[in-house]
Structure formats: C-alpha cells, structure tokens
Amino acid sequence: MELITLKSPREQDAMRRAGRVTAQARALAGSMVRPGVTTKEIDDAVRRFIRGKGGQPSFLGYGGFPGSACISVNEVVIHGIPSRHIVLKEGDIVSIDVGAIIDGFHGDCAATYPCGTVSEEARRLIEVTRQSFWEGYEQAAPGKRVSDISHAVQAYVEKHGYSVVRDFVGHGVGTKLHEAPEVPNFGPAGHGARLQPGMAIAVEPMVCAGDWHVKVLKDGWTTVSADGSLTAHYENTILITEDGPEITTVTEDGACI
C-alpha cells in the first residue's frame, strides 16, 4: 500500500503557489468556452499560460496524454483529448480539467462550463455536481475519514436523481499528480484513511445525468457515459490543516470557480 505523504509548512506553501496558477489556468480556459471555439485553442492557451508562469502542464505527456488540459464535451466525462476538429456549439457543456507543476508540486482542478445558452437540465447537472464537491469539502476535516467525503458527495448527487462514476476517483496530490489516498465519490461513511493535517487531496465528483457506467473509447483516453447521458465534473485540490480544509486551487483574488 502506498504511503500517504504529509506536507511540511514549506511544501504546503509550494502547493498553494501551484494551486493558484492551476486555478488561474482553469479560469482562463472557462472564459474561452463559447460557440465556434475549438478545444485545441483552449488547450493551447492553457499551455501558454502555465509556461508563462514558470510552470509545466501536469497532464502534457502524462501516460502519453497529448494535451495540456482534458477538455470533455457533453457525454464525455473525463480525459477528452483537445482537437482542432472539436468545435464548441451553443448548448454544449464543457468540462475542463487542468493541472500545473510549480516548483515540483502539482495543482489539480476542474469545472464544467455552459457554452452559450444551455438546457435547464444541463444547468442543473452542472450546479449539482459543483455543490456535491462542497458537500464533500465540509467533511474534509482532521479526524474524519476519507469515505466521509465520499459518502457526502454520493448522497447529495443521488438525492438529486443523478449518479456518480465508480470507475474513476479522486486522489492525493503533491510532488506526484496522483498520490495516496484514493478519494472515491461513493461509499459508506467511516472508512478509509483518517484525515490528518498536512494531507493534500483532489476531490473531484464526476456525475452522470443517467446511469453511472462509463466506457473508454479506442483512443485509450476519452471516457464517456455508457448510456450517452450528459456528464459534469468539478474538482479542487484541498489541504487538510489544523483549522480544517483549505482549497489551494483559488485565483489570486481568492476566487474558486
């Protein structure tokens, strides 16, 4: 079993710097979501921004991934490959997942954005997915267990008639993009690692409007809802501190998209 690494005060500051750049990149990407824009254009802007801040995109080349951001449209849950052939259109919903390495530490965050005017169902799915993160966040306190977060996310999502993906989960984050512990978005409370000050985790609800089953397409990355239903994704990196949870993926003005 992989050991959970606790970050020192110096390392926590490094994670805050990485998180700030990552959140700014997410905000930039979100501001570009509009009809007629390609996902490749958004990806190029994210890469330029992160490198301009002295960092590197966490995802570029990770396991062979060809983009700097995962840009997933409609039924694509996660790991959408940016392409000049994917042109956003009115009514799409677009999930953008961004990671940045600054001074050897990663930030990791995601959000789903409406493209122009979207359906009421799409808007509600985005809102429920985002709020489910905050339900989990409230459980991310020292002394709690990982699955207290998981249960809070699942309960909120299912209360609103949606489902949480089981095949992919949140994770620890630090000098590696994916560290222990895994942070599922489902399961009973009271299980898993006990949260301690110095832990850093990425909590990321992945929600389907229909059934929770997903499938990975032939490119080995693009993951879609098996039933073709709309999906949404929301994520932030959280430090566990003595005073409770702290989100590192906030912009310079403290905003969390």
Protein backbone atom coordinates (compact mmCIF):
# COMPACT_ATOMS: atom_id res chain seq x y z
CA MET A 1 0.00 0.00 0.00
CA GLU A 2 1.37 3.39 -0.99
CA LEU A 3 2.13 5.65 1.96
CA ILE A 4 0.29 8.93 2.40
CA THR A 5 2.74 11.84 2.44
CA LEU A 6 2.15 14.72 4.85
CA LYS A 7 3.31 18.07 3.54
CA SER A 8 5.53 20.32 5.66
CA PRO A 9 4.64 24.01 6.04
CA ARG A 10 7.15 24.82 3.26
CA GLU A 11 5.64 22.19 0.99
CA GLN A 12 2.14 23.43 1.74
CA ASP A 13 3.19 26.90 0.59
CA ALA A 14 4.56 25.37 -2.61
CA MET A 15 1.22 23.65 -3.14
CA ARG A 16 -0.59 26.95 -2.67
CA ARG A 17 1.57 28.50 -5.40
CA ALA A 18 0.90 25.59 -7.74
CA GLY A 19 -2.79 25.68 -6.94
CA ARG A 20 -3.06 29.39 -7.67
CA VAL A 21 -1.55 29.01 -11.15
CA THR A 22 -3.73 25.98 -11.84
CA ALA A 23 -6.89 27.82 -10.82
CA GLN A 24 -5.96 30.80 -12.99
CA ALA A 25 -5.46 28.46 -15.94
CA ARG A 26 -8.87 26.91 -15.28
CA ALA A 27 -10.48 30.36 -15.16
CA LEU A 28 -8.78 31.32 -18.43
CA ALA A 29 -9.99 28.14 -20.11
CA GLY A 30 -13.52 28.65 -18.83
CA SER A 31 -13.60 32.20 -20.17
CA MET A 32 -12.90 30.84 -23.65
CA VAL A 33 -15.90 28.49 -23.74
CA ARG A 34 -18.20 29.88 -26.42
CA PRO A 35 -19.63 28.71 -29.74
CA GLY A 36 -17.08 28.43 -32.55
CA VAL A 37 -14.01 27.89 -30.35
CA THR A 38 -12.09 24.63 -30.74
CA THR A 39 -10.90 22.61 -27.77
CA LYS A 40 -7.37 22.83 -29.25
CA GLU A 41 -7.49 26.63 -28.99
CA ILE A 42 -8.36 26.36 -25.29
CA ASP A 43 -5.63 23.80 -24.73
CA ASP A 44 -3.02 25.98 -26.42
CA ALA A 45 -3.99 28.93 -24.22
CA VAL A 46 -3.72 26.81 -21.05
CA ARG A 47 -0.26 25.58 -22.04
CA ARG A 48 1.00 29.08 -22.82
CA PHE A 49 -0.40 30.47 -19.58
CA ILE A 50 1.14 27.82 -17.32
CA ARG A 51 4.53 28.06 -19.02
CA GLY A 52 4.34 31.84 -18.79
CA LYS A 53 4.06 31.44 -15.01
CA GLY A 54 7.24 29.36 -14.93
CA GLY A 55 5.44 26.01 -14.67
CA GLN A 56 4.65 23.00 -16.77
CA PRO A 57 1.24 21.45 -17.53
CA SER A 58 0.86 18.35 -15.35
CA PHE A 59 -1.09 16.43 -17.97
CA LEU A 60 1.07 17.03 -21.05
CA GLY A 61 2.73 13.70 -21.80
CA TYR A 62 1.41 12.11 -18.59
CA GLY A 63 0.96 8.46 -19.51
CA GLY A 64 1.17 9.64 -23.10
CA PHE A 65 -1.69 12.16 -22.90
CA PRO A 66 -1.25 14.60 -25.80
CA GLY A 67 -2.88 17.72 -24.33
CA SER A 68 -2.20 20.23 -21.57
CA ALA A 69 -5.82 20.08 -20.39
CA CYS A 70 -8.52 17.44 -20.54
CA ILE A 71 -11.47 19.04 -22.35
CA SER A 72 -14.60 16.90 -22.27
CA VAL A 73 -17.84 17.84 -24.02
CA ASN A 74 -21.38 16.67 -23.13
CA GLU A 75 -21.35 12.86 -22.68
CA VAL A 76 -17.55 12.81 -22.30
CA VAL A 77 -16.94 12.54 -18.56
CA ILE A 78 -13.15 12.97 -18.40
CA HIS A 79 -9.93 12.77 -20.41
CA GLY A 80 -11.26 14.43 -23.55
CA ILE A 81 -8.34 14.99 -25.94
CA PRO A 82 -8.16 18.57 -27.25
CA SER A 83 -8.61 18.77 -31.01
CA ARG A 84 -8.92 21.38 -33.74
CA HIS A 85 -11.75 19.22 -35.06
CA ILE A 86 -13.89 19.64 -31.93
CA VAL A 87 -15.71 22.95 -32.35
CA LEU A 88 -17.90 24.03 -29.43
CA LYS A 89 -21.50 24.82 -30.23
CA GLU A 90 -24.41 26.53 -28.50
CA GLY A 91 -25.87 24.35 -25.77
CA ASP A 92 -22.78 22.22 -25.11
CA ILE A 93 -21.44 21.74 -21.61
CA VAL A 94 -17.67 21.59 -21.40
CA SER A 95 -15.64 20.04 -18.58
CA ILE A 96 -12.10 21.37 -18.34
CA ASP A 97 -9.54 19.62 -16.11
CA VAL A 98 -6.21 21.40 -15.57
CA GLY A 99 -3.02 20.57 -13.71
CA ALA A 100 0.16 22.61 -13.27
CA ILE A 101 3.57 21.85 -11.79
CA ILE A 102 5.19 24.77 -9.98
CA ASP A 103 8.43 24.27 -8.00
CA GLY A 104 7.96 20.50 -8.14
CA PHE A 105 4.39 20.43 -6.77
CA HIS A 106 1.10 19.90 -8.59
CA GLY A 107 -2.21 21.70 -8.52
CA ASP A 108 -5.24 19.90 -9.96
CA CYS A 109 -8.72 21.30 -10.60
CA ALA A 110 -11.67 21.05 -12.97
CA ALA A 111 -15.03 22.64 -13.68
CA THR A 112 -17.87 22.30 -16.18
CA TYR A 113 -18.91 25.36 -18.16
CA PRO A 114 -22.02 26.11 -20.26
CA CYS A 115 -21.41 27.07 -23.88
CA GLY A 116 -23.84 29.86 -24.62
CA THR A 117 -27.40 29.10 -23.54
CA VAL A 118 -27.83 25.54 -22.27
CA SER A 119 -30.87 23.48 -21.31
CA GLU A 120 -32.32 23.63 -17.82
CA GLU A 121 -31.28 20.01 -17.32
CA ALA A 122 -27.69 20.79 -18.26
CA ARG A 123 -27.58 23.82 -15.98
CA ARG A 124 -28.96 21.79 -13.08
CA LEU A 125 -26.43 19.00 -13.64
CA ILE A 126 -23.56 21.49 -13.51
CA GLU A 127 -24.89 23.06 -10.31
CA VAL A 128 -25.50 19.74 -8.54
CA THR A 129 -22.04 18.48 -9.47
CA ARG A 130 -20.38 21.64 -8.16
CA GLN A 131 -22.39 21.60 -4.93
CA SER A 132 -21.60 17.93 -4.36
CA PHE A 133 -17.94 18.94 -4.13
CA TRP A 134 -18.79 21.42 -1.39
CA GLU A 135 -20.78 18.76 0.46
CA GLY A 136 -17.64 16.62 0.45
CA TYR A 137 -15.44 19.58 1.37
CA GLU A 138 -17.41 20.06 4.58
CA GLN A 139 -16.26 16.58 5.65
CA ALA A 140 -12.56 17.19 4.91
CA ALA A 141 -11.56 17.96 8.49
CA PRO A 142 -8.82 16.43 10.66
CA GLY A 143 -10.06 13.27 12.37
CA LYS A 144 -12.63 12.48 9.69
CA ARG A 145 -12.12 9.60 7.27
CA VAL A 146 -11.77 9.69 3.51
CA SER A 147 -15.09 7.96 2.94
CA ASP A 148 -16.90 10.64 4.95
CA ILE A 149 -16.14 12.84 1.93
CA SER A 150 -17.15 10.06 -0.46
CA HIS A 151 -20.49 9.44 1.22
CA ALA A 152 -21.39 13.14 1.35
CA VAL A 153 -20.77 13.51 -2.40
CA GLN A 154 -22.78 10.42 -3.33
CA ALA A 155 -25.69 11.23 -1.05
CA TYR A 156 -26.08 14.73 -2.48
CA VAL A 157 -25.79 13.62 -6.11
CA GLU A 158 -28.24 10.75 -5.76
CA LYS A 159 -30.71 12.90 -3.82
CA HIS A 160 -30.98 14.97 -6.99
CA GLY A 161 -31.52 11.98 -9.25
CA TYR A 162 -28.05 11.70 -10.75
CA SER A 163 -25.27 9.10 -10.40
CA VAL A 164 -21.57 9.20 -9.53
CA VAL A 165 -18.94 7.46 -11.64
CA ARG A 166 -17.36 4.45 -9.90
CA ASP A 167 -14.50 3.66 -12.27
CA PHE A 168 -12.52 6.84 -11.60
CA VAL A 169 -11.88 8.57 -8.26
CA GLY A 170 -10.14 11.48 -6.61
CA HIS A 171 -6.67 11.13 -5.17
CA GLY A 172 -3.85 12.50 -3.11
CA VAL A 173 -1.66 15.10 -4.77
CA GLY A 174 1.78 16.60 -4.14
CA THR A 175 5.10 16.03 -5.88
CA LYS A 176 3.19 13.44 -7.91
CA LEU A 177 -0.05 14.18 -9.72
CA HIS A 178 -1.63 11.04 -8.28
CA GLU A 179 -0.69 10.01 -4.74
CA ALA A 180 -2.34 8.06 -1.94
CA PRO A 181 -5.05 8.00 -0.78
CA GLU A 182 -7.72 7.35 -3.37
CA VAL A 183 -10.81 9.51 -2.74
CA PRO A 184 -13.92 7.85 -4.21
CA ASN A 185 -17.16 9.76 -4.77
CA PHE A 186 -19.22 6.91 -3.36
CA GLY A 187 -19.40 4.52 -0.43
CA PRO A 188 -20.45 4.39 3.22
CA ALA A 189 -19.06 6.88 5.71
CA GLY A 190 -16.49 5.97 8.34
CA HIS A 191 -13.96 4.11 6.19
CA GLY A 192 -10.56 4.74 4.63
CA ALA A 193 -7.61 6.74 5.84
CA ARG A 194 -8.10 9.18 8.68
CA LEU A 195 -7.56 12.76 7.56
CA GLN A 196 -4.54 14.47 9.11
CA PRO A 197 -3.05 17.95 8.88
CA GLY A 198 -0.56 18.03 6.02
CA MET A 199 -2.54 15.73 3.74
CA ALA A 200 -3.41 17.07 0.29
CA ILE A 201 -6.23 15.55 -1.76
CA ALA A 202 -8.04 16.26 -5.00
CA VAL A 203 -11.78 15.81 -4.54
CA GLU A 204 -13.49 15.50 -7.91
CA PRO A 205 -17.12 14.48 -8.34
CA MET A 206 -17.77 13.02 -11.80
CA VAL A 207 -21.53 12.91 -12.31
CA CYS A 208 -23.79 11.38 -14.95
CA ALA A 209 -27.33 12.52 -15.64
CA GLY A 210 -28.20 8.86 -16.32
CA ASP A 211 -26.54 5.62 -15.27
CA TRP A 212 -23.07 5.71 -13.67
CA HIS A 213 -21.40 3.24 -16.02
CA VAL A 214 -18.74 4.62 -18.38
CA LYS A 215 -16.63 3.32 -21.22
CA VAL A 216 -13.23 4.31 -22.59
CA LEU A 217 -13.06 4.89 -26.34
CA LYS A 218 -10.50 3.37 -28.70
CA ASP A 219 -8.04 6.25 -28.22
CA GLY A 220 -7.46 4.89 -24.71
CA TRP A 221 -8.37 8.18 -23.01
CA THR A 222 -11.78 9.60 -23.89
CA THR A 223 -14.22 8.35 -21.26
CA VAL A 224 -17.94 8.66 -21.98
CA SER A 225 -21.16 7.81 -20.19
CA ALA A 226 -22.18 4.34 -21.37
CA ASP A 227 -25.77 5.44 -21.95
CA GLY A 228 -24.82 8.68 -23.73
CA SER A 229 -26.22 10.90 -20.98
CA LEU A 230 -24.82 14.31 -20.12
CA THR A 231 -21.97 14.43 -17.61
CA ALA A 232 -20.26 17.04 -15.44
CA HIS A 233 -17.02 17.25 -13.43
CA TYR A 234 -15.85 19.53 -10.66
CA GLU A 235 -12.56 19.38 -8.74
CA ASN A 236 -10.29 21.28 -6.40
CA THR A 237 -7.11 20.46 -4.51
CA ILE A 238 -7.61 20.58 -0.75
CA LEU A 239 -5.04 20.84 2.03
CA ILE A 240 -6.05 19.38 5.38
CA THR A 241 -4.93 21.85 8.06
CA GLU A 242 -5.29 22.07 11.82
CA ASP A 243 -8.08 24.58 11.23
CA GLY A 244 -9.92 22.47 8.66
CA PRO A 245 -9.87 22.14 4.86
CA GLU A 246 -8.19 24.77 2.68
CA ILE A 247 -8.60 24.91 -1.09
CA THR A 248 -5.31 25.65 -2.85
CA THR A 249 -6.79 25.95 -6.34
CA VAL A 250 -8.03 29.52 -5.98
CA THR A 251 -7.16 32.52 -8.12
CA GLU A 252 -5.12 35.46 -6.88
CA ASP A 253 -8.25 37.20 -5.64
CA GLY A 254 -9.25 34.08 -3.70
CA ALA A 255 -11.97 33.00 -6.14
CA CYS A 256 -12.85 29.37 -6.58
CA ILE A 257 -14.65 28.96 -9.92
